[in-house]
Amino acid sequence: METVKLSIKGQIVIPKNIRDDLHLPTGTEFVISKTATGLTLTPTTIFPASTVSEVRGFLAKRGRKLPDEADNRANIKARLKARDDASK
């Protein structure tokens, strides 16, 4: 267990051995939460959450028509049905 001090600016320093153990690079952002027993620091995700529509076509080849959401849902439904039929 390490002991750290709160600076006049409200800052703390996470000891190097803990940063190294948790692979926390410089610039890591944290969410700080108040708990019944104190505080919890949780590193934010490296990649922000995104929706399918935001990343749609990200890996598509040039000139290839992208399926729309209705096509994707129909494809998923067909695959699930085929899987269910195969397990009967």
PDB file of N, CA and C in Angstrom:
ATOM      1  N   MET A   1       0.842  -1.168   0.000  1.00  0.00           N
ATOM      2  CA  MET A   1       0.000   0.000   0.000  1.00  0.00           C
ATOM      3  C   MET A   1       0.889   1.234   0.000  1.00  0.00           C
ATOM      4  N   GLU A   2       0.498   2.191  -0.800  1.00  0.00           N
ATOM      5  CA  GLU A   2       1.250   3.443  -0.920  1.00  0.00           C
ATOM      6  C   GLU A   2       0.462   4.575  -0.255  1.00  0.00           C
ATOM      7  N   THR A   3       1.165   5.568   0.217  1.00  0.00           N
ATOM      8  CA  THR A   3       0.541   6.760   0.785  1.00  0.00           C
ATOM      9  C   THR A   3       0.915   7.940  -0.092  1.00  0.00           C
ATOM     10  N   VAL A   4      -0.078   8.744  -0.436  1.00  0.00           N
ATOM     11  CA  VAL A   4       0.169   9.943  -1.237  1.00  0.00           C
ATOM     12  C   VAL A   4      -0.506  11.121  -0.547  1.00  0.00           C
ATOM     13  N   LYS A   5      -0.067  12.339  -0.893  1.00  0.00           N
ATOM     14  CA  LYS A   5      -0.655  13.549  -0.311  1.00  0.00           C
ATOM     15  C   LYS A   5      -1.430  14.303  -1.373  1.00  0.00           C
ATOM     16  N   LEU A   6      -2.504  14.925  -0.946  1.00  0.00           N
ATOM     17  CA  LEU A   6      -3.295  15.784  -1.807  1.00  0.00           C
ATOM     18  C   LEU A   6      -2.624  17.151  -1.844  1.00  0.00           C
ATOM     19  N   SER A   7      -2.332  17.639  -3.048  1.00  0.00           N
ATOM     20  CA  SER A   7      -1.661  18.937  -3.164  1.00  0.00           C
ATOM     21  C   SER A   7      -2.658  20.069  -2.932  1.00  0.00           C
ATOM     22  N   ILE A   8      -2.136  21.260  -2.826  1.00  0.00           N
ATOM     23  CA  ILE A   8      -2.979  22.445  -2.632  1.00  0.00           C
ATOM     24  C   ILE A   8      -3.931  22.639  -3.822  1.00  0.00           C
ATOM     25  N   LYS A   9      -3.558  22.107  -4.984  1.00  0.00           N
ATOM     26  CA  LYS A   9      -4.396  22.194  -6.182  1.00  0.00           C
ATOM     27  C   LYS A   9      -5.370  21.020  -6.282  1.00  0.00           C
ATOM     28  N   GLY A  10      -5.394  20.132  -5.293  1.00  0.00           N
ATOM     29  CA  GLY A  10      -6.303  18.983  -5.313  1.00  0.00           C
ATOM     30  C   GLY A  10      -5.770  17.824  -6.134  1.00  0.00           C
ATOM     31  N   GLN A  11      -4.461  17.786  -6.370  1.00  0.00           N
ATOM     32  CA  GLN A  11      -3.862  16.744  -7.192  1.00  0.00           C
ATOM     33  C   GLN A  11      -3.190  15.685  -6.332  1.00  0.00           C
ATOM     34  N   ILE A  12      -3.173  14.453  -6.855  1.00  0.00           N
ATOM     35  CA  ILE A  12      -2.398  13.382  -6.234  1.00  0.00           C
ATOM     36  C   ILE A  12      -1.511  12.779  -7.314  1.00  0.00           C
ATOM     37  N   VAL A  13      -0.445  12.114  -6.888  1.00  0.00           N
ATOM     38  CA  VAL A  13       0.447  11.439  -7.824  1.00  0.00           C
ATOM     39  C   VAL A  13       0.294   9.939  -7.594  1.00  0.00           C
ATOM     40  N   ILE A  14      -0.008   9.221  -8.663  1.00  0.00           N
ATOM     41  CA  ILE A  14      -0.091   7.763  -8.583  1.00  0.00           C
ATOM     42  C   ILE A  14       1.348   7.252  -8.643  1.00  0.00           C
ATOM     43  N   PRO A  15       1.781   6.500  -7.639  1.00  0.00           N
ATOM     44  CA  PRO A  15       3.170   6.036  -7.613  1.00  0.00           C
ATOM     45  C   PRO A  15       3.549   5.258  -8.887  1.00  0.00           C
ATOM     46  N   LYS A  16       4.799   5.413  -9.294  1.00  0.00           N
ATOM     47  CA  LYS A  16       5.283   4.826 -10.542  1.00  0.00           C
ATOM     48  C   LYS A  16       5.083   3.320 -10.600  1.00  0.00           C
ATOM     49  N   ASN A  17       5.346   2.611  -9.508  1.00  0.00           N
ATOM     50  CA  ASN A  17       5.197   1.147  -9.551  1.00  0.00           C
ATOM     51  C   ASN A  17       3.738   0.745  -9.815  1.00  0.00           C
ATOM     52  N   ILE A  18       2.791   1.503  -9.307  1.00  0.00           N
ATOM     53  CA  ILE A  18       1.380   1.213  -9.573  1.00  0.00           C
ATOM     54  C   ILE A  18       1.040   1.551 -11.022  1.00  0.00           C
ATOM     55  N   ARG A  19       1.522   2.704 -11.511  1.00  0.00           N
ATOM     56  CA  ARG A  19       1.289   3.071 -12.915  1.00  0.00           C
ATOM     57  C   ARG A  19       1.849   2.005 -13.843  1.00  0.00           C
ATOM     58  N   ASP A  20       3.046   1.512 -13.527  1.00  0.00           N
ATOM     59  CA  ASP A  20       3.672   0.478 -14.359  1.00  0.00           C
ATOM     60  C   ASP A  20       2.888  -0.832 -14.304  1.00  0.00           C
ATOM     61  N   ASP A  21       2.483  -1.235 -13.093  1.00  0.00           N
ATOM     62  CA  ASP A  21       1.725  -2.485 -12.940  1.00  0.00           C
ATOM     63  C   ASP A  21       0.405  -2.450 -13.701  1.00  0.00           C
ATOM     64  N   LEU A  22      -0.234  -1.273 -13.717  1.00  0.00           N
ATOM     65  CA  LEU A  22      -1.538  -1.134 -14.380  1.00  0.00           C
ATOM     66  C   LEU A  22      -1.431  -0.651 -15.827  1.00  0.00           C
ATOM     67  N   HIS A  23      -0.197  -0.468 -16.305  1.00  0.00           N
ATOM     68  CA  HIS A  23       0.054  -0.008 -17.682  1.00  0.00           C
ATOM     69  C   HIS A  23      -0.706   1.291 -17.969  1.00  0.00           C
ATOM     70  N   LEU A  24      -0.482   2.283 -17.114  1.00  0.00           N
ATOM     71  CA  LEU A  24      -1.140   3.576 -17.259  1.00  0.00           C
ATOM     72  C   LEU A  24      -0.177   4.581 -17.862  1.00  0.00           C
ATOM     73  N   PRO A  25      -0.314   4.879 -19.149  1.00  0.00           N
ATOM     74  CA  PRO A  25       0.598   5.838 -19.769  1.00  0.00           C
ATOM     75  C   PRO A  25       0.258   7.272 -19.358  1.00  0.00           C
ATOM     76  N   THR A  26       1.212   8.161 -19.571  1.00  0.00           N
ATOM     77  CA  THR A  26       1.001   9.574 -19.313  1.00  0.00           C
ATOM     78  C   THR A  26      -0.203  10.051 -20.117  1.00  0.00           C
ATOM     79  N   GLY A  27      -1.035  10.842 -19.498  1.00  0.00           N
ATOM     80  CA  GLY A  27      -2.208  11.379 -20.186  1.00  0.00           C
ATOM     81  C   GLY A  27      -3.465  10.535 -20.015  1.00  0.00           C
ATOM     82  N   THR A  28      -3.365   9.410 -19.312  1.00  0.00           N
ATOM     83  CA  THR A  28      -4.542   8.577 -19.083  1.00  0.00           C
ATOM     84  C   THR A  28      -5.590   9.393 -18.333  1.00  0.00           C
ATOM     85  N   GLU A  29      -6.828   9.349 -18.802  1.00  0.00           N
ATOM     86  CA  GLU A  29      -7.914  10.051 -18.126  1.00  0.00           C
ATOM     87  C   GLU A  29      -8.660   9.066 -17.240  1.00  0.00           C
ATOM     88  N   PHE A  30      -9.176   9.566 -16.128  1.00  0.00           N
ATOM     89  CA  PHE A  30      -9.871   8.733 -15.159  1.00  0.00           C
ATOM     90  C   PHE A  30     -11.260   9.271 -14.872  1.00  0.00           C
ATOM     91  N   VAL A  31     -12.135   8.363 -14.502  1.00  0.00           N
ATOM     92  CA  VAL A  31     -13.424   8.727 -13.935  1.00  0.00           C
ATOM     93  C   VAL A  31     -13.245   8.562 -12.432  1.00  0.00           C
ATOM     94  N   ILE A  32     -13.595   9.583 -11.673  1.00  0.00           N
ATOM     95  CA  ILE A  32     -13.480   9.495 -10.219  1.00  0.00           C
ATOM     96  C   ILE A  32     -14.880   9.381  -9.637  1.00  0.00           C
ATOM     97  N   SER A  33     -15.063   8.394  -8.773  1.00  0.00           N
ATOM     98  CA  SER A  33     -16.371   8.138  -8.179  1.00  0.00           C
ATOM     99  C   SER A  33     -16.265   8.159  -6.666  1.00  0.00           C
ATOM    100  N   LYS A  34     -17.259   8.745  -6.048  1.00  0.00           N
ATOM    101  CA  LYS A  34     -17.339   8.742  -4.585  1.00  0.00           C
ATOM    102  C   LYS A  34     -18.027   7.445  -4.174  1.00  0.00           C
ATOM    103  N   THR A  35     -17.433   6.717  -3.240  1.00  0.00           N
ATOM    104  CA  THR A  35     -18.017   5.478  -2.734  1.00  0.00           C
ATOM    105  C   THR A  35     -18.274   5.626  -1.248  1.00  0.00           C
ATOM    106  N   ALA A  36     -18.883   4.623  -0.645  1.00  0.00           N
ATOM    107  CA  ALA A  36     -19.167   4.670   0.792  1.00  0.00           C
ATOM    108  C   ALA A  36     -17.889   4.728   1.615  1.00  0.00           C
ATOM    109  N   THR A  37     -16.816   4.157   1.086  1.00  0.00           N
ATOM    110  CA  THR A  37     -15.563   4.103   1.840  1.00  0.00           C
ATOM    111  C   THR A  37     -14.499   5.075   1.354  1.00  0.00           C
ATOM    112  N   GLY A  38     -14.761   5.823   0.300  1.00  0.00           N
ATOM    113  CA  GLY A  38     -13.750   6.755  -0.192  1.00  0.00           C
ATOM    114  C   GLY A  38     -13.955   7.101  -1.648  1.00  0.00           C
ATOM    115  N   LEU A  39     -12.889   6.992  -2.426  1.00  0.00           N
ATOM    116  CA  LEU A  39     -12.897   7.342  -3.845  1.00  0.00           C
ATOM    117  C   LEU A  39     -12.431   6.157  -4.681  1.00  0.00           C
ATOM    118  N   THR A  40     -12.924   6.087  -5.901  1.00  0.00           N
ATOM    119  CA  THR A  40     -12.465   5.082  -6.849  1.00  0.00           C
ATOM    120  C   THR A  40     -12.036   5.799  -8.119  1.00  0.00           C
ATOM    121  N   LEU A  41     -10.845   5.465  -8.615  1.00  0.00           N
ATOM    122  CA  LEU A  41     -10.362   5.980  -9.899  1.00  0.00           C
ATOM    123  C   LEU A  41     -10.457   4.859 -10.917  1.00  0.00           C
ATOM    124  N   THR A  42     -11.121   5.124 -12.036  1.00  0.00           N
ATOM    125  CA  THR A  42     -11.242   4.133 -13.097  1.00  0.00           C
ATOM    126  C   THR A  42     -10.745   4.750 -14.394  1.00  0.00           C
ATOM    127  N   PRO A  43      -9.739   4.144 -15.044  1.00  0.00           N
ATOM    128  CA  PRO A  43      -9.282   4.698 -16.326  1.00  0.00           C
ATOM    129  C   PRO A  43     -10.417   4.667 -17.339  1.00  0.00           C
ATOM    130  N   THR A  44     -10.542   5.732 -18.106  1.00  0.00           N
ATOM    131  CA  THR A  44     -11.547   5.751 -19.165  1.00  0.00           C
ATOM    132  C   THR A  44     -11.086   4.829 -20.278  1.00  0.00           C
ATOM    133  N   THR A  45     -12.014   4.440 -21.124  1.00  0.00           N
ATOM    134  CA  THR A  45     -11.652   3.557 -22.224  1.00  0.00           C
ATOM    135  C   THR A  45     -10.782   4.306 -23.218  1.00  0.00           C
ATOM    136  N   ILE A  46      -9.885   3.571 -23.840  1.00  0.00           N
ATOM    137  CA  ILE A  46      -9.004   4.179 -24.838  1.00  0.00           C
ATOM    138  C   ILE A  46      -9.819   4.630 -26.044  1.00  0.00           C
ATOM    139  N   PHE A  47     -10.770   3.805 -26.439  1.00  0.00           N
ATOM    140  CA  PHE A  47     -11.617   4.123 -27.572  1.00  0.00           C
ATOM    141  C   PHE A  47     -13.008   4.440 -27.060  1.00  0.00           C
ATOM    142  N   PRO A  48     -13.536   5.598 -27.384  1.00  0.00           N
ATOM    143  CA  PRO A  48     -14.875   5.924 -26.905  1.00  0.00           C
ATOM    144  C   PRO A  48     -15.908   4.980 -27.526  1.00  0.00           C
ATOM    145  N   ALA A  49     -16.983   4.762 -26.804  1.00  0.00           N
ATOM    146  CA  ALA A  49     -18.052   3.904 -27.311  1.00  0.00           C
ATOM    147  C   ALA A  49     -18.603   4.507 -28.600  1.00  0.00           C
ATOM    148  N   SER A  50     -18.950   3.656 -29.542  1.00  0.00           N
ATOM    149  CA  SER A  50     -19.507   4.133 -30.800  1.00  0.00           C
ATOM    150  C   SER A  50     -20.655   3.229 -31.210  1.00  0.00           C
ATOM    151  N   THR A  51     -21.496   3.751 -32.062  1.00  0.00           N
ATOM    152  CA  THR A  51     -22.624   2.971 -32.560  1.00  0.00           C
ATOM    153  C   THR A  51     -22.246   2.350 -33.897  1.00  0.00           C
ATOM    154  N   VAL A  52     -23.040   1.384 -34.316  1.00  0.00           N
ATOM    155  CA  VAL A  52     -22.784   0.730 -35.601  1.00  0.00           C
ATOM    156  C   VAL A  52     -22.840   1.751 -36.730  1.00  0.00           C
ATOM    157  N   SER A  53     -23.794   2.662 -36.659  1.00  0.00           N
ATOM    158  CA  SER A  53     -23.929   3.636 -37.748  1.00  0.00           C
ATOM    159  C   SER A  53     -22.724   4.570 -37.831  1.00  0.00           C
ATOM    160  N   GLU A  54     -22.049   4.811 -36.704  1.00  0.00           N
ATOM    161  CA  GLU A  54     -20.869   5.677 -36.723  1.00  0.00           C
ATOM    162  C   GLU A  54     -19.671   5.019 -37.390  1.00  0.00           C
ATOM    163  N   VAL A  55     -19.568   3.700 -37.306  1.00  0.00           N
ATOM    164  CA  VAL A  55     -18.416   3.009 -37.880  1.00  0.00           C
ATOM    165  C   VAL A  55     -18.769   2.252 -39.152  1.00  0.00           C
ATOM    166  N   ARG A  56     -19.994   2.390 -39.589  1.00  0.00           N
ATOM    167  CA  ARG A  56     -20.459   1.708 -40.796  1.00  0.00           C
ATOM    168  C   ARG A  56     -19.550   2.051 -41.976  1.00  0.00           C
ATOM    169  N   GLY A  57     -19.058   1.033 -42.635  1.00  0.00           N
ATOM    170  CA  GLY A  57     -18.229   1.225 -43.811  1.00  0.00           C
ATOM    171  C   GLY A  57     -16.778   1.512 -43.517  1.00  0.00           C
ATOM    172  N   PHE A  58     -16.374   1.489 -42.269  1.00  0.00           N
ATOM    173  CA  PHE A  58     -15.003   1.819 -41.902  1.00  0.00           C
ATOM    174  C   PHE A  58     -14.001   0.917 -42.607  1.00  0.00           C
ATOM    175  N   LEU A  59     -14.319  -0.359 -42.747  1.00  0.00           N
ATOM    176  CA  LEU A  59     -13.407  -1.305 -43.385  1.00  0.00           C
ATOM    177  C   LEU A  59     -13.848  -1.696 -44.796  1.00  0.00           C
ATOM    178  N   ALA A  60     -14.809  -0.985 -45.337  1.00  0.00           N
ATOM    179  CA  ALA A  60     -15.335  -1.333 -46.656  1.00  0.00           C
ATOM    180  C   ALA A  60     -14.308  -1.062 -47.755  1.00  0.00           C
ATOM    181  N   LYS A  61     -14.403  -1.864 -48.798  1.00  0.00           N
ATOM    182  CA  LYS A  61     -13.539  -1.656 -49.957  1.00  0.00           C
ATOM    183  C   LYS A  61     -14.141  -0.567 -50.839  1.00  0.00           C
ATOM    184  N   ARG A  62     -13.294   0.147 -51.507  1.00  0.00           N
ATOM    185  CA  ARG A  62     -13.766   1.208 -52.390  1.00  0.00           C
ATOM    186  C   ARG A  62     -14.674   0.635 -53.480  1.00  0.00           C
ATOM    187  N   GLY A  63     -15.736   1.360 -53.747  1.00  0.00           N
ATOM    188  CA  GLY A  63     -16.661   0.957 -54.791  1.00  0.00           C
ATOM    189  C   GLY A  63     -17.675  -0.086 -54.362  1.00  0.00           C
ATOM    190  N   ARG A  64     -17.537  -0.617 -53.179  1.00  0.00           N
ATOM    191  CA  ARG A  64     -18.458  -1.635 -52.696  1.00  0.00           C
ATOM    192  C   ARG A  64     -19.647  -0.961 -52.013  1.00  0.00           C
ATOM    193  N   LYS A  65     -20.862  -1.405 -52.379  1.00  0.00           N
ATOM    194  CA  LYS A  65     -22.066  -0.845 -51.775  1.00  0.00           C
ATOM    195  C   LYS A  65     -22.182  -1.343 -50.333  1.00  0.00           C
ATOM    196  N   LEU A  66     -22.421  -0.396 -49.440  1.00  0.00           N
ATOM    197  CA  LEU A  66     -22.561  -0.745 -48.037  1.00  0.00           C
ATOM    198  C   LEU A  66     -23.990  -1.186 -47.744  1.00  0.00           C
ATOM    199  N   PRO A  67     -24.155  -2.258 -46.976  1.00  0.00           N
ATOM    200  CA  PRO A  67     -25.510  -2.659 -46.607  1.00  0.00           C
ATOM    201  C   PRO A  67     -26.078  -1.662 -45.595  1.00  0.00           C
ATOM    202  N   ASP A  68     -27.390  -1.443 -45.662  1.00  0.00           N
ATOM    203  CA  ASP A  68     -27.985  -0.560 -44.667  1.00  0.00           C
ATOM    204  C   ASP A  68     -28.379  -1.372 -43.432  1.00  0.00           C
ATOM    205  N   GLU A  69     -28.880  -0.702 -42.428  1.00  0.00           N
ATOM    206  CA  GLU A  69     -29.181  -1.368 -41.166  1.00  0.00           C
ATOM    207  C   GLU A  69     -30.247  -2.447 -41.334  1.00  0.00           C
ATOM    208  N   ALA A  70     -31.224  -2.202 -42.190  1.00  0.00           N
ATOM    209  CA  ALA A  70     -32.273  -3.203 -42.422  1.00  0.00           C
ATOM    210  C   ALA A  70     -31.672  -4.475 -43.026  1.00  0.00           C
ATOM    211  N   ASP A  71     -30.725  -4.326 -43.966  1.00  0.00           N
ATOM    212  CA  ASP A  71     -30.050  -5.482 -44.561  1.00  0.00           C
ATOM    213  C   ASP A  71     -29.259  -6.246 -43.493  1.00  0.00           C
ATOM    214  N   ASN A  72     -28.566  -5.505 -42.626  1.00  0.00           N
ATOM    215  CA  ASN A  72     -27.790  -6.148 -41.560  1.00  0.00           C
ATOM    216  C   ASN A  72     -28.699  -6.938 -40.629  1.00  0.00           C
ATOM    217  N   ARG A  73     -29.827  -6.340 -40.232  1.00  0.00           N
ATOM    218  CA  ARG A  73     -30.758  -7.024 -39.336  1.00  0.00           C
ATOM    219  C   ARG A  73     -31.335  -8.278 -39.995  1.00  0.00           C
ATOM    220  N   ALA A  74     -31.674  -8.180 -41.276  1.00  0.00           N
ATOM    221  CA  ALA A  74     -32.220  -9.337 -41.997  1.00  0.00           C
ATOM    222  C   ALA A  74     -31.175 -10.447 -42.087  1.00  0.00           C
ATOM    223  N   ASN A  75     -29.929 -10.078 -42.336  1.00  0.00           N
ATOM    224  CA  ASN A  75     -28.841 -11.052 -42.423  1.00  0.00           C
ATOM    225  C   ASN A  75     -28.640 -11.751 -41.075  1.00  0.00           C
ATOM    226  N   ILE A  76     -28.635 -10.978 -40.008  1.00  0.00           N
ATOM    227  CA  ILE A  76     -28.471 -11.562 -38.667  1.00  0.00           C
ATOM    228  C   ILE A  76     -29.636 -12.492 -38.361  1.00  0.00           C
ATOM    229  N   LYS A  77     -30.850 -12.055 -38.667  1.00  0.00           N
ATOM    230  CA  LYS A  77     -32.040 -12.871 -38.409  1.00  0.00           C
ATOM    231  C   LYS A  77     -31.960 -14.190 -39.172  1.00  0.00           C
ATOM    232  N   ALA A  78     -31.541 -14.139 -40.432  1.00  0.00           N
ATOM    233  CA  ALA A  78     -31.432 -15.350 -41.254  1.00  0.00           C
ATOM    234  C   ALA A  78     -30.374 -16.294 -40.680  1.00  0.00           C
ATOM    235  N   ARG A  79     -29.251 -15.753 -40.247  1.00  0.00           N
ATOM    236  CA  ARG A  79     -28.198 -16.607 -39.681  1.00  0.00           C
ATOM    237  C   ARG A  79     -28.638 -17.260 -38.368  1.00  0.00           C
ATOM    238  N   LEU A  80     -29.339 -16.487 -37.518  1.00  0.00           N
ATOM    239  CA  LEU A  80     -29.835 -17.059 -36.264  1.00  0.00           C
ATOM    240  C   LEU A  80     -30.858 -18.155 -36.531  1.00  0.00           C
ATOM    241  N   LYS A  81     -31.739 -17.930 -37.505  1.00  0.00           N
ATOM    242  CA  LYS A  81     -32.734 -18.935 -37.854  1.00  0.00           C
ATOM    243  C   LYS A  81     -32.063 -20.195 -38.370  1.00  0.00           C
ATOM    244  N   ALA A  82     -31.064 -20.030 -39.223  1.00  0.00           N
ATOM    245  CA  ALA A  82     -30.337 -21.197 -39.758  1.00  0.00           C
ATOM    246  C   ALA A  82     -29.647 -21.952 -38.621  1.00  0.00           C
ATOM    247  N   ARG A  83     -29.060 -21.228 -37.680  1.00  0.00           N
ATOM    248  CA  ARG A  83     -28.402 -21.877 -36.550  1.00  0.00           C
ATOM    249  C   ARG A  83     -29.411 -22.628 -35.690  1.00  0.00           C
ATOM    250  N   ASP A  84     -30.556 -22.007 -35.444  1.00  0.00           N
ATOM    251  CA  ASP A  84     -31.600 -22.653 -34.640  1.00  0.00           C
ATOM    252  C   ASP A  84     -32.134 -23.900 -35.343  1.00  0.00           C
ATOM    253  N   ASP A  85     -32.348 -23.789 -36.669  1.00  0.00           N
ATOM    254  CA  ASP A  85     -32.853 -24.941 -37.440  1.00  0.00           C
ATOM    255  C   ASP A  85     -31.847 -26.081 -37.423  1.00  0.00           C
ATOM    256  N   ALA A  86     -30.566 -25.754 -37.466  1.00  0.00           N
ATOM    257  CA  ALA A  86     -29.515 -26.781 -37.484  1.00  0.00           C
ATOM    258  C   ALA A  86     -29.408 -27.500 -36.144  1.00  0.00           C
ATOM    259  N   SER A  87     -29.801 -26.827 -35.055  1.00  0.00           N
ATOM    260  CA  SER A  87     -29.680 -27.454 -33.737  1.00  0.00           C
ATOM    261  C   SER A  87     -30.889 -28.314 -33.361  1.00  0.00           C
ATOM    262  N   LYS A  88     -31.900 -28.340 -34.214  1.00  0.00           N
ATOM    263  CA  LYS A  88     -33.106 -29.138 -33.921  1.00  0.00           C
ATOM    264  C   LYS A  88     -32.922 -30.569 -34.301  1.00  0.00           C
TER     265      LYS A  88
END
